[in-house]
N, C-alpha and C. Protein backbone atom coordinates (compact mmCIF):
# COMPACT_ATOMS: atom_id res chain seq x y z
N MET A 1 0.85 -1.17 -0.08
CA MET A 1 0.06 0.18 0.02
C MET A 1 0.68 1.27 -0.12
N ASP A 2 0.31 1.95 -0.92
CA ASP A 2 1.37 3.44 -0.71
C ASP A 2 0.44 4.45 -0.20
N ALA A 3 1.06 5.51 -0.16
CA ALA A 3 0.42 6.68 0.58
C ALA A 3 -0.81 7.32 0.05
N MET A 4 -1.02 7.19 -1.33
CA MET A 4 -2.46 7.63 -1.84
C MET A 4 -3.39 6.54 -1.32
N GLU A 5 -2.83 5.24 -1.46
CA GLU A 5 -4.07 4.18 -1.25
C GLU A 5 -4.20 4.16 0.31
N MET A 6 -3.27 4.45 1.14
CA MET A 6 -3.46 4.79 2.58
C MET A 6 -4.68 5.85 2.88
N GLU A 7 -4.42 6.90 2.07
CA GLU A 7 -5.30 8.20 2.42
C GLU A 7 -6.45 7.85 1.87
N LEU A 8 -6.68 7.10 0.52
CA LEU A 8 -8.29 6.84 0.17
C LEU A 8 -8.82 5.75 0.94
N SER A 9 -8.08 5.08 1.85
CA SER A 9 -8.73 4.00 2.75
C SER A 9 -9.43 4.87 4.07
N LEU A 10 -8.90 5.97 4.30
CA LEU A 10 -9.67 6.72 5.47
C LEU A 10 -11.01 7.11 5.23
N TYR A 11 -11.39 7.10 4.35
CA TYR A 11 -13.04 7.70 3.86
C TYR A 11 -13.70 6.68 3.63
N ASP A 12 -15.02 6.88 4.11
CA ASP A 12 -16.21 6.16 3.65
C ASP A 12 -16.70 6.74 2.24
N TRP A 13 -16.16 6.41 1.14
CA TRP A 13 -16.85 7.23 -0.28
C TRP A 13 -17.95 7.01 -0.44
N SER A 14 -18.79 5.79 0.09
CA SER A 14 -20.24 5.57 -0.30
C SER A 14 -21.09 6.61 0.36
N THR A 15 -20.44 7.51 1.43
CA THR A 15 -21.30 8.50 1.86
C THR A 15 -20.98 9.91 1.51
N LEU A 16 -19.94 10.06 0.68
CA LEU A 16 -19.88 11.19 -0.17
C LEU A 16 -20.53 11.44 -1.28
N PRO A 17 -20.91 12.86 -1.46
CA PRO A 17 -21.77 13.18 -2.61
C PRO A 17 -20.86 12.90 -4.13
N CYS A 18 -21.67 12.93 -5.10
CA CYS A 18 -21.37 12.90 -6.45
C CYS A 18 -22.40 13.40 -7.33
N ARG A 19 -22.18 14.41 -8.32
CA ARG A 19 -22.92 15.10 -8.77
C ARG A 19 -23.73 14.31 -10.11
N ARG A 20 -23.05 13.07 -10.52
CA ARG A 20 -23.60 12.26 -11.44
C ARG A 20 -24.09 10.78 -11.06
N CYS A 21 -23.46 10.44 -9.62
CA CYS A 21 -23.96 9.00 -9.12
C CYS A 21 -24.36 9.28 -7.79
N LYS A 22 -25.16 7.99 -7.53
CA LYS A 22 -25.37 8.04 -6.44
C LYS A 22 -24.82 8.50 -5.12
N SER A 23 -23.38 8.05 -5.17
CA SER A 23 -22.23 8.58 -4.42
C SER A 23 -20.97 8.51 -4.89
N ALA A 24 -19.92 8.75 -4.20
CA ALA A 24 -18.64 8.91 -4.74
C ALA A 24 -17.95 7.50 -4.66
N GLN A 25 -18.44 6.39 -4.27
CA GLN A 25 -17.98 5.24 -4.20
C GLN A 25 -16.81 4.84 -5.29
N HIS A 26 -17.20 5.40 -6.52
CA HIS A 26 -16.31 4.90 -7.79
C HIS A 26 -15.12 5.74 -7.65
N VAL A 27 -14.87 7.05 -6.97
CA VAL A 27 -13.81 7.80 -6.91
C VAL A 27 -12.57 7.23 -6.74
N PRO A 28 -12.35 6.28 -5.36
CA PRO A 28 -11.01 5.95 -5.19
C PRO A 28 -10.54 5.01 -6.34
N GLY A 29 -11.36 4.30 -7.36
CA GLY A 29 -10.77 3.69 -8.38
C GLY A 29 -10.62 4.51 -9.34
N ASP A 30 -11.15 5.53 -9.64
CA ASP A 30 -10.86 6.58 -10.45
C ASP A 30 -9.61 7.30 -10.34
N LEU A 31 -9.38 7.50 -9.15
CA LEU A 31 -8.19 8.07 -8.85
C LEU A 31 -6.86 7.36 -8.91
N LEU A 32 -7.07 5.88 -8.71
CA LEU A 32 -6.00 4.95 -8.75
C LEU A 32 -5.89 4.64 -10.30
N ARG A 33 -6.61 4.75 -11.23
CA ARG A 33 -6.59 4.58 -12.70
C ARG A 33 -5.66 5.93 -12.98
N LEU A 34 -6.33 6.97 -12.73
CA LEU A 34 -5.32 8.04 -13.08
C LEU A 34 -4.09 8.16 -12.62
N ALA A 35 -3.83 7.78 -11.26
CA ALA A 35 -2.30 7.72 -10.80
C ALA A 35 -1.67 6.85 -11.74
N ARG A 36 -2.41 5.74 -12.43
CA ARG A 36 -1.45 4.76 -13.05
C ARG A 36 -1.28 5.15 -14.57
N ALA A 37 -2.02 6.18 -14.74
CA ALA A 37 -1.94 6.62 -16.43
C ALA A 37 -0.47 6.84 -16.65
N ARG A 38 -0.15 6.40 -18.07
CA ARG A 38 1.15 6.71 -18.58
C ARG A 38 0.91 7.56 -19.83
N THR A 39 -0.43 7.83 -20.26
CA THR A 39 -0.51 8.69 -21.55
C THR A 39 -1.39 9.81 -21.08
N ARG A 40 -1.48 10.78 -22.14
CA ARG A 40 -2.35 11.98 -21.82
C ARG A 40 -4.07 11.54 -21.78
N GLU A 41 -4.17 10.67 -22.74
CA GLU A 41 -5.66 9.90 -22.78
C GLU A 41 -5.85 9.45 -21.64
N GLU A 42 -4.97 8.46 -20.97
CA GLU A 42 -5.57 7.80 -19.73
C GLU A 42 -5.31 8.75 -18.70
N ALA A 43 -4.81 9.83 -18.76
CA ALA A 43 -4.88 10.74 -17.64
C ALA A 43 -6.18 11.47 -17.65
N GLU A 44 -7.36 11.37 -18.29
CA GLU A 44 -8.19 12.15 -18.10
C GLU A 44 -9.20 11.80 -17.02
N PRO A 45 -9.51 12.73 -16.40
CA PRO A 45 -10.28 12.71 -15.11
C PRO A 45 -11.48 12.19 -15.11
N ARG A 46 -12.05 11.10 -15.83
CA ARG A 46 -13.39 10.53 -15.82
C ARG A 46 -13.53 10.16 -14.23
N GLY A 47 -14.71 10.67 -14.03
CA GLY A 47 -15.07 10.20 -12.66
C GLY A 47 -14.73 11.15 -11.62
N ILE A 48 -14.08 12.13 -11.90
CA ILE A 48 -13.69 12.98 -11.30
C ILE A 48 -14.22 14.24 -11.72
N GLU A 49 -13.81 14.88 -12.74
CA GLU A 49 -14.50 15.93 -13.51
C GLU A 49 -15.76 15.70 -14.05
N GLY A 50 -16.57 16.56 -13.42
CA GLY A 50 -18.16 16.49 -13.79
C GLY A 50 -18.81 15.77 -12.27
N HIS A 51 -18.02 15.05 -11.69
CA HIS A 51 -18.63 14.08 -10.71
C HIS A 51 -18.41 14.92 -9.34
N VAL A 52 -17.31 15.31 -8.89
CA VAL A 52 -16.99 16.22 -7.65
C VAL A 52 -16.64 17.21 -7.96
N PHE A 53 -16.17 17.70 -9.12
CA PHE A 53 -15.51 19.00 -9.45
C PHE A 53 -15.81 19.33 -10.94
N GLN A 54 -16.25 20.56 -11.20
CA GLN A 54 -15.99 21.00 -12.46
C GLN A 54 -15.76 22.56 -12.88
N GLU A 55 -14.80 23.35 -13.48
CA GLU A 55 -14.44 24.41 -13.33
C GLU A 55 -14.57 25.05 -11.93
N THR A 56 -15.66 25.74 -11.42
CA THR A 56 -15.47 26.58 -10.16
C THR A 56 -16.44 26.15 -9.17
N TRP A 57 -16.77 24.95 -9.31
CA TRP A 57 -17.81 24.43 -8.35
C TRP A 57 -17.29 23.03 -7.98
N GLY A 58 -17.48 22.58 -6.75
CA GLY A 58 -17.27 21.23 -6.45
C GLY A 58 -18.44 20.86 -5.38
N THR A 59 -18.13 19.59 -4.86
CA THR A 59 -18.91 18.91 -4.01
C THR A 59 -17.92 18.76 -2.60
N ARG A 60 -18.04 18.45 -1.50
CA ARG A 60 -17.29 18.41 -0.42
C ARG A 60 -16.20 17.17 -0.49
N THR A 61 -16.45 16.50 -1.62
CA THR A 61 -15.83 15.20 -1.87
C THR A 61 -14.47 15.90 -2.31
N VAL A 62 -14.46 16.96 -2.86
CA VAL A 62 -12.86 17.54 -3.53
C VAL A 62 -12.18 17.63 -2.26
N VAL A 63 -12.51 17.68 -0.97
CA VAL A 63 -11.43 17.89 0.24
C VAL A 63 -10.87 16.47 0.30
N PRO A 64 -11.42 15.35 0.46
CA PRO A 64 -10.42 14.17 0.65
C PRO A 64 -9.67 13.74 -0.83
N VAL A 65 -10.42 14.00 -1.90
CA VAL A 65 -9.79 14.04 -3.32
C VAL A 65 -8.45 14.59 -3.33
N ALA A 66 -8.32 16.04 -2.78
CA ALA A 66 -7.26 16.81 -2.83
C ALA A 66 -6.25 16.02 -1.97
N ARG A 67 -6.63 15.65 -0.48
CA ARG A 67 -5.65 15.04 0.35
C ARG A 67 -5.00 13.54 -0.45
N ALA A 68 -5.67 13.16 -1.27
CA ALA A 68 -5.27 12.01 -1.68
C ALA A 68 -4.42 12.02 -2.95
N MET A 69 -4.73 13.23 -3.58
CA MET A 69 -3.87 13.57 -4.52
C MET A 69 -2.46 13.99 -4.26
N MET A 70 -2.57 14.80 -3.04
CA MET A 70 -1.34 15.22 -2.58
C MET A 70 -0.70 14.22 -2.03
N ALA A 71 -1.14 13.18 -1.36
CA ALA A 71 -0.31 11.96 -0.83
C ALA A 71 0.22 11.24 -2.20
N GLY A 72 -0.57 11.30 -3.36
CA GLY A 72 0.02 10.76 -4.70
C GLY A 72 1.12 11.27 -5.04
N LEU A 73 1.12 12.58 -4.97
CA LEU A 73 2.18 13.45 -5.85
C LEU A 73 3.35 13.12 -4.93
N ALA A 74 3.34 12.78 -3.58
CA ALA A 74 4.43 12.61 -2.64
C ALA A 74 5.23 11.31 -3.07
N GLY A 75 4.67 10.68 -4.06
CA GLY A 75 5.16 9.18 -4.18
C GLY A 75 6.03 9.50 -5.61
N PRO A 76 6.95 8.31 -5.70
CA PRO A 76 7.68 8.55 -7.06
C PRO A 76 6.92 7.77 -8.22
N GLY A 77 5.85 7.04 -7.84
CA GLY A 77 5.22 6.58 -9.16
C GLY A 77 4.15 7.00 -10.02
N LEU A 78 4.23 8.34 -10.03
CA LEU A 78 3.11 9.18 -11.23
C LEU A 78 4.12 9.23 -12.43
N SER A 79 3.48 9.10 -13.53
CA SER A 79 4.11 9.36 -14.94
C SER A 79 3.95 10.79 -14.85
N PRO A 80 4.79 11.39 -15.92
CA PRO A 80 4.52 12.86 -15.91
C PRO A 80 3.12 13.34 -16.35
N GLN A 81 2.50 12.67 -17.15
CA GLN A 81 0.98 12.88 -17.53
C GLN A 81 0.12 12.89 -16.33
N ALA A 82 0.08 11.93 -15.52
CA ALA A 82 -0.73 11.62 -14.37
C ALA A 82 -0.26 12.88 -13.24
N ARG A 83 1.19 12.95 -13.38
CA ARG A 83 1.56 14.03 -12.21
C ARG A 83 1.13 15.42 -12.54
N HIS A 84 1.19 15.91 -13.95
CA HIS A 84 0.62 16.84 -14.37
C HIS A 84 -1.01 17.30 -14.14
N ARG A 85 -1.61 16.16 -14.43
CA ARG A 85 -3.20 16.03 -14.18
C ARG A 85 -3.70 16.12 -12.82
N PHE A 86 -2.65 15.51 -11.80
CA PHE A 86 -3.05 15.72 -10.38
C PHE A 86 -2.97 17.23 -10.25
N LEU A 87 -1.77 17.94 -10.41
CA LEU A 87 -1.53 19.37 -10.00
C LEU A 87 -2.70 20.04 -10.59
N ASP A 88 -2.89 19.97 -11.81
CA ASP A 88 -4.07 20.76 -12.59
C ASP A 88 -5.36 20.49 -11.85
N LEU A 89 -5.83 19.30 -11.41
CA LEU A 89 -7.06 19.30 -10.87
C LEU A 89 -6.93 19.80 -9.11
N VAL A 90 -5.46 19.65 -8.56
CA VAL A 90 -5.58 20.33 -7.33
C VAL A 90 -5.54 21.98 -7.32
N TRP A 91 -5.00 22.38 -8.61
CA TRP A 91 -5.34 23.84 -8.81
C TRP A 91 -6.63 24.16 -8.71
N GLY A 92 -7.47 23.36 -9.50
CA GLY A 92 -8.79 23.64 -9.79
C GLY A 92 -9.60 23.85 -8.42
N PHE A 93 -9.07 23.05 -7.31
CA PHE A 93 -9.80 22.36 -6.05
C PHE A 93 -9.56 23.91 -5.34
N VAL A 94 -8.33 24.30 -5.34
CA VAL A 94 -8.01 25.57 -4.40
C VAL A 94 -8.49 27.01 -4.91
N VAL A 95 -9.20 27.04 -6.01
CA VAL A 95 -9.65 28.27 -6.70
C VAL A 95 -11.21 28.23 -6.73
N LEU A 96 -11.90 27.43 -6.18
CA LEU A 96 -13.41 27.26 -6.13
C LEU A 96 -14.03 28.29 -5.68
N ASP A 97 -15.20 28.52 -6.33
CA ASP A 97 -16.16 29.31 -5.90
C ASP A 97 -16.53 29.24 -4.47
N ASP A 98 -16.73 28.37 -3.92
CA ASP A 98 -17.24 28.04 -2.55
C ASP A 98 -15.96 28.19 -1.69
N ASP A 99 -15.90 29.27 -1.16
CA ASP A 99 -14.50 29.61 -0.06
C ASP A 99 -14.21 28.29 0.82
N ASP A 100 -15.21 28.10 1.75
CA ASP A 100 -14.79 26.85 2.64
C ASP A 100 -14.51 25.85 2.30
N LEU A 101 -14.80 25.37 0.86
CA LEU A 101 -14.31 24.34 0.10
C LEU A 101 -12.80 24.37 -0.47
N ALA A 102 -12.57 25.72 -0.93
CA ALA A 102 -11.35 25.88 -1.51
C ALA A 102 -10.30 26.28 -0.16
N GLU A 103 -10.81 26.81 0.76
CA GLU A 103 -9.93 26.73 2.22
C GLU A 103 -9.55 25.61 2.48
N ALA A 104 -10.47 24.47 2.40
CA ALA A 104 -10.10 22.98 3.14
C ALA A 104 -9.26 22.26 2.02
N CYS A 105 -9.22 22.77 0.81
CA CYS A 105 -8.37 22.20 -0.43
C CYS A 105 -7.02 22.85 -0.03
N LYS A 106 -6.95 24.17 0.10
CA LYS A 106 -5.72 24.94 0.59
C LYS A 106 -4.93 24.04 1.67
N ASP A 107 -5.70 23.88 2.93
CA ASP A 107 -5.01 23.10 3.84
C ASP A 107 -4.70 21.93 3.71
N ALA A 108 -5.33 21.23 2.68
CA ALA A 108 -4.88 19.74 2.25
C ALA A 108 -3.56 20.02 1.43
N VAL A 109 -3.18 21.16 0.79
CA VAL A 109 -2.18 21.24 -0.10
C VAL A 109 -1.13 21.69 0.64
N ARG A 110 -1.42 22.53 1.79
CA ARG A 110 -0.15 22.96 2.75
C ARG A 110 0.37 21.78 3.45
N THR A 111 -0.32 20.74 3.65
CA THR A 111 0.21 19.47 4.19
C THR A 111 1.42 18.76 3.28
N GLY A 112 1.36 19.23 2.03
CA GLY A 112 2.55 18.59 1.17
C GLY A 112 3.22 19.48 0.27
N ILE A 113 3.40 20.76 1.10
CA ILE A 113 4.16 21.89 0.21
C ILE A 113 5.19 21.47 -0.40
N TRP A 114 6.05 20.94 0.47
CA TRP A 114 7.49 20.62 -0.04
C TRP A 114 7.38 19.51 -1.21
N THR A 115 6.62 18.99 -1.43
CA THR A 115 6.28 18.19 -2.78
C THR A 115 6.18 19.18 -3.92
N LEU A 116 5.54 20.26 -3.64
CA LEU A 116 5.25 21.20 -4.54
C LEU A 116 6.82 22.03 -5.05
N TYR A 117 7.29 22.13 -3.82
CA TYR A 117 8.68 22.96 -4.17
C TYR A 117 9.37 22.03 -4.74
N GLU A 118 9.56 20.63 -4.59
CA GLU A 118 10.37 19.92 -5.33
C GLU A 118 10.13 19.76 -6.69
N GLU A 119 8.57 19.97 -7.01
CA GLU A 119 8.24 19.73 -8.45
C GLU A 119 8.67 20.99 -9.18
N VAL A 120 8.77 22.11 -8.81
CA VAL A 120 9.12 23.24 -9.37
C VAL A 120 10.88 23.27 -9.52
N LEU A 121 11.46 22.69 -8.60
CA LEU A 121 12.59 22.49 -8.40
C LEU A 121 13.59 21.60 -9.26
N SER A 122 12.53 20.60 -9.63
CA SER A 122 13.17 19.12 -10.26
C SER A 122 13.57 19.51 -11.72
N GLY A 123 13.09 20.49 -12.21
CA GLY A 123 13.32 20.47 -13.92
C GLY A 123 12.73 19.42 -14.68
N ARG A 124 11.68 18.86 -14.07
CA ARG A 124 11.15 17.61 -15.00
C ARG A 124 10.17 18.01 -16.30
N ALA A 125 9.18 19.16 -15.79
CA ALA A 125 8.31 19.28 -16.66
C ALA A 125 7.98 20.86 -16.60
N LYS A 126 8.00 21.83 -17.43
CA LYS A 126 7.73 23.12 -17.08
C LYS A 126 6.17 23.57 -16.96
N GLY A 127 5.28 22.74 -17.63
CA GLY A 127 4.03 22.88 -17.34
C GLY A 127 3.65 22.28 -16.02
N SER A 128 4.03 21.40 -15.66
CA SER A 128 3.86 20.89 -14.10
C SER A 128 4.45 21.81 -13.19
N ALA A 129 5.67 22.32 -13.49
CA ALA A 129 6.23 23.09 -12.43
C ALA A 129 5.61 24.22 -12.55
N LEU A 130 4.98 24.95 -13.45
CA LEU A 130 4.15 26.23 -13.43
C LEU A 130 3.06 25.81 -12.63
N VAL A 131 2.19 24.99 -12.51
CA VAL A 131 1.33 24.70 -11.90
C VAL A 131 1.37 24.80 -10.16
N ALA A 132 2.66 23.69 -10.16
CA ALA A 132 3.22 23.44 -8.79
C ALA A 132 3.52 24.95 -7.99
N TYR A 133 4.06 25.94 -9.07
CA TYR A 133 4.26 27.29 -8.27
C TYR A 133 2.91 27.98 -7.96
N TRP A 134 1.98 28.00 -8.97
CA TRP A 134 1.01 28.62 -8.87
C TRP A 134 0.14 28.15 -7.48
N LEU A 135 0.33 26.82 -7.29
CA LEU A 135 -0.17 26.37 -5.81
C LEU A 135 0.66 26.89 -4.84
N VAL A 136 2.18 26.88 -4.71
CA VAL A 136 2.81 27.24 -3.80
C VAL A 136 2.29 28.82 -3.52
N LYS A 137 2.25 29.69 -4.61
CA LYS A 137 2.18 31.02 -4.39
C LYS A 137 0.50 31.16 -3.82
N GLU A 138 -0.20 30.37 -4.09
CA GLU A 138 -1.60 30.39 -3.37
C GLU A 138 -1.52 30.06 -2.00
N VAL A 139 -0.75 29.11 -1.50
CA VAL A 139 -1.36 28.70 -0.20
C VAL A 139 0.05 28.59 0.75
N GLU A 140 1.11 29.19 0.35
CA GLU A 140 2.35 29.46 0.99
C GLU A 140 2.02 30.69 2.09
N THR A 141 2.37 30.57 3.04
CA THR A 141 2.13 31.28 4.30
C THR A 141 3.43 32.33 4.68
N THR A 142 4.45 32.05 3.79
CA THR A 142 5.70 32.72 4.10
C THR A 142 6.06 33.26 2.80
N PRO A 143 5.55 34.68 2.44
CA PRO A 143 5.90 35.16 1.00
C PRO A 143 7.38 35.21 0.84
N ALA A 144 8.24 35.32 1.63
CA ALA A 144 9.74 35.27 1.31
C ALA A 144 10.32 33.81 0.75
N ARG A 145 9.63 33.06 1.23
CA ARG A 145 9.95 31.58 0.59
C ARG A 145 9.37 31.44 -0.84
N VAL A 146 8.03 32.14 -1.07
CA VAL A 146 7.85 32.26 -2.51
C VAL A 146 8.89 32.97 -3.47
N GLU A 147 8.94 34.11 -2.83
CA GLU A 147 10.02 35.04 -3.52
C GLU A 147 11.39 34.34 -4.00
N ARG A 148 11.83 33.63 -3.07
CA ARG A 148 13.11 32.95 -3.06
C ARG A 148 13.02 31.75 -4.05
N LEU A 149 11.92 31.12 -4.24
CA LEU A 149 11.78 29.92 -5.00
C LEU A 149 11.57 30.46 -6.43
N LEU A 150 10.95 31.71 -6.71
CA LEU A 150 10.99 32.12 -7.93
C LEU A 150 12.37 32.76 -8.48
N GLN A 151 13.24 33.31 -7.29
CA GLN A 151 14.67 33.59 -7.88
C GLN A 151 15.54 32.44 -8.18
N VAL A 152 15.48 31.53 -7.41
CA VAL A 152 16.26 30.09 -7.87
C VAL A 152 15.78 29.26 -8.89
N ALA A 153 14.73 29.50 -9.26
CA ALA A 153 13.67 28.43 -10.11
C ALA A 153 13.04 29.10 -11.58
N ARG A 154 13.55 30.36 -11.74
CA ARG A 154 12.98 31.09 -12.72
C ARG A 154 13.20 30.56 -13.92
N HIS A 155 14.30 29.89 -14.16
CA HIS A 155 14.80 29.32 -15.27
C HIS A 155 14.10 28.08 -15.82
N LEU A 156 13.45 27.48 -14.65
CA LEU A 156 12.93 26.24 -14.73
C LEU A 156 11.39 26.22 -15.11
N LEU A 157 10.62 27.43 -15.21
CA LEU A 157 9.38 27.85 -15.43
C LEU A 157 9.32 28.38 -16.90
N PRO A 158 8.18 28.39 -17.25
CA PRO A 158 7.85 28.85 -18.83
C PRO A 158 8.57 30.33 -18.75
N GLU A 159 8.80 30.78 -19.90
CA GLU A 159 9.30 32.25 -20.20
C GLU A 159 8.16 33.10 -19.80
N ASP A 160 6.95 32.93 -20.38
CA ASP A 160 5.67 33.84 -20.30
C ASP A 160 4.93 33.58 -18.87
N LEU A 161 5.73 33.21 -17.95
CA LEU A 161 5.21 33.53 -16.26
C LEU A 161 4.78 34.85 -16.54
N HIS A 162 3.59 34.96 -16.12
CA HIS A 162 3.19 36.51 -15.53
C HIS A 162 3.08 36.44 -13.98
N ASP A 163 3.71 37.24 -13.20
CA ASP A 163 4.00 37.06 -12.08
C ASP A 163 3.83 38.58 -11.44
N ASP A 164 3.26 38.86 -10.63
CA ASP A 164 3.43 40.17 -9.94
C ASP A 164 4.78 40.63 -9.36
N GLU A 165 5.46 39.86 -8.89
CA GLU A 165 7.17 39.91 -8.18
C GLU A 165 8.18 40.09 -9.57
N ASP A 166 7.67 39.97 -10.57
CA ASP A 166 8.61 39.98 -11.68
C ASP A 166 9.28 41.45 -11.91
């Protein structure tokens, strides 16, 4: 069992809401499938997008999903495609229109913030680094840390990064 599977096992998914199904019972399987994705097509968030989250709305199920995704990001097994999709979805969770859900997701992200710093600093993929940077900037409580990250990792981020601190 890895950290993501452990986190998934903490919830009774059958009691959590889904917008398209009777419950979110299918979500752990959908997240594990997404975590095993090796191609862009396999990394489509079927069972997540439109079910527990879409654009700027979400159900309370996004909070345990965010926690599970942060646990997944901490492990070494995600492909670049799955890693990018996890980061992209988590970004969507922290900017939800529902302030309470967004804040709960931000708290989940803060528990794994060093994973995000590592993503930016890794040089693996500029797209993933950019989303990780946005997440850090959104949830980091020490502004000097964000400033320093941009100083040391600017060359690892896309050139068209629009940032107020530039």
